[in-house]
């Protein structure tokens, strides 16, 4: 799925998705949940960082 497709499905701009991927934008919990539901992933799958 492209950034633009994901952005449309969750109601944000493509730029917002890009910034989230780069770690330059901290999305709200609601946006995180919307992204997870759209991608059929858990919060841990998408947002947990292994150190």
C-alpha atoms as a PDB file:
ATOM      1  CA  UNK A   1       0.000   0.000   0.000  1.00  0.00           C
ATOM      2  CA  UNK A   2       1.355   3.424  -0.870  1.00  0.00           C
ATOM      3  CA  UNK A   3       1.684   6.270   1.593  1.00  0.00           C
ATOM      4  CA  UNK A   4      -1.043   8.118  -0.291  1.00  0.00           C
ATOM      5  CA  UNK A   5      -3.464   5.179  -0.108  1.00  0.00           C
ATOM      6  CA  UNK A   6      -2.838   4.728   3.614  1.00  0.00           C
ATOM      7  CA  UNK A   7      -3.204   8.450   4.232  1.00  0.00           C
ATOM      8  CA  UNK A   8      -6.593   8.535   2.482  1.00  0.00           C
ATOM      9  CA  UNK A   9      -7.843   5.542   4.452  1.00  0.00           C
ATOM     10  CA  UNK A  10      -6.880   7.027   7.836  1.00  0.00           C
ATOM     11  CA  UNK A  11      -7.750  10.654   7.026  1.00  0.00           C
ATOM     12  CA  UNK A  12      -4.357  12.370   6.991  1.00  0.00           C
ATOM     13  CA  UNK A  13      -1.983  13.676   4.328  1.00  0.00           C
ATOM     14  CA  UNK A  14       0.678  11.621   2.591  1.00  0.00           C
ATOM     15  CA  UNK A  15       3.254  13.942   4.152  1.00  0.00           C
ATOM     16  CA  UNK A  16       2.028  12.989   7.626  1.00  0.00           C
ATOM     17  CA  UNK A  17       2.526   9.289   6.872  1.00  0.00           C
ATOM     18  CA  UNK A  18       6.011  10.036   5.555  1.00  0.00           C
ATOM     19  CA  UNK A  19       6.944  11.966   8.684  1.00  0.00           C
ATOM     20  CA  UNK A  20       5.661   9.153  10.906  1.00  0.00           C
ATOM     21  CA  UNK A  21       7.807   6.660   8.970  1.00  0.00           C
ATOM     22  CA  UNK A  22      10.852   8.923   9.391  1.00  0.00           C
ATOM     23  CA  UNK A  23      10.233   9.307  13.132  1.00  0.00           C
ATOM     24  CA  UNK A  24       9.748  13.065  12.779  1.00  0.00           C
ATOM     25  CA  UNK A  25       6.081  13.148  13.804  1.00  0.00           C
ATOM     26  CA  UNK A  26       4.431  11.659  16.869  1.00  0.00           C
ATOM     27  CA  UNK A  27       0.920  10.593  15.869  1.00  0.00           C
ATOM     28  CA  UNK A  28      -1.976  10.601  18.291  1.00  0.00           C
ATOM     29  CA  UNK A  29      -3.006   7.279  19.784  1.00  0.00           C
ATOM     30  CA  UNK A  30      -6.196   7.404  17.700  1.00  0.00           C
ATOM     31  CA  UNK A  31      -4.175   7.821  14.503  1.00  0.00           C
ATOM     32  CA  UNK A  32      -1.873   4.945  15.529  1.00  0.00           C
ATOM     33  CA  UNK A  33      -4.899   2.722  16.080  1.00  0.00           C
ATOM     34  CA  UNK A  34      -6.401   3.732  12.720  1.00  0.00           C
ATOM     35  CA  UNK A  35      -3.152   2.884  10.940  1.00  0.00           C
ATOM     36  CA  UNK A  36      -2.943  -0.474  12.723  1.00  0.00           C
ATOM     37  CA  UNK A  37      -6.535  -1.392  11.861  1.00  0.00           C
ATOM     38  CA  UNK A  38      -6.034  -0.378   8.230  1.00  0.00           C
ATOM     39  CA  UNK A  39      -2.868  -2.471   7.930  1.00  0.00           C
ATOM     40  CA  UNK A  40      -4.208  -5.335  10.089  1.00  0.00           C
ATOM     41  CA  UNK A  41      -1.255  -5.004  12.479  1.00  0.00           C
ATOM     42  CA  UNK A  42      -0.884  -4.461  16.228  1.00  0.00           C
ATOM     43  CA  UNK A  43       0.567  -1.368  17.869  1.00  0.00           C
ATOM     44  CA  UNK A  44       3.610  -3.442  18.825  1.00  0.00           C
ATOM     45  CA  UNK A  45       4.079  -4.580  15.212  1.00  0.00           C
ATOM     46  CA  UNK A  46       4.227  -1.019  13.916  1.00  0.00           C
ATOM     47  CA  UNK A  47       5.455   1.190  16.728  1.00  0.00           C
ATOM     48  CA  UNK A  48       7.609  -0.872  19.107  1.00  0.00           C
ATOM     49  CA  UNK A  49      11.333  -0.199  18.761  1.00  0.00           C
ATOM     50  CA  UNK A  50      13.817  -2.951  19.602  1.00  0.00           C
ATOM     51  CA  UNK A  51      16.929  -1.530  21.187  1.00  0.00           C
END
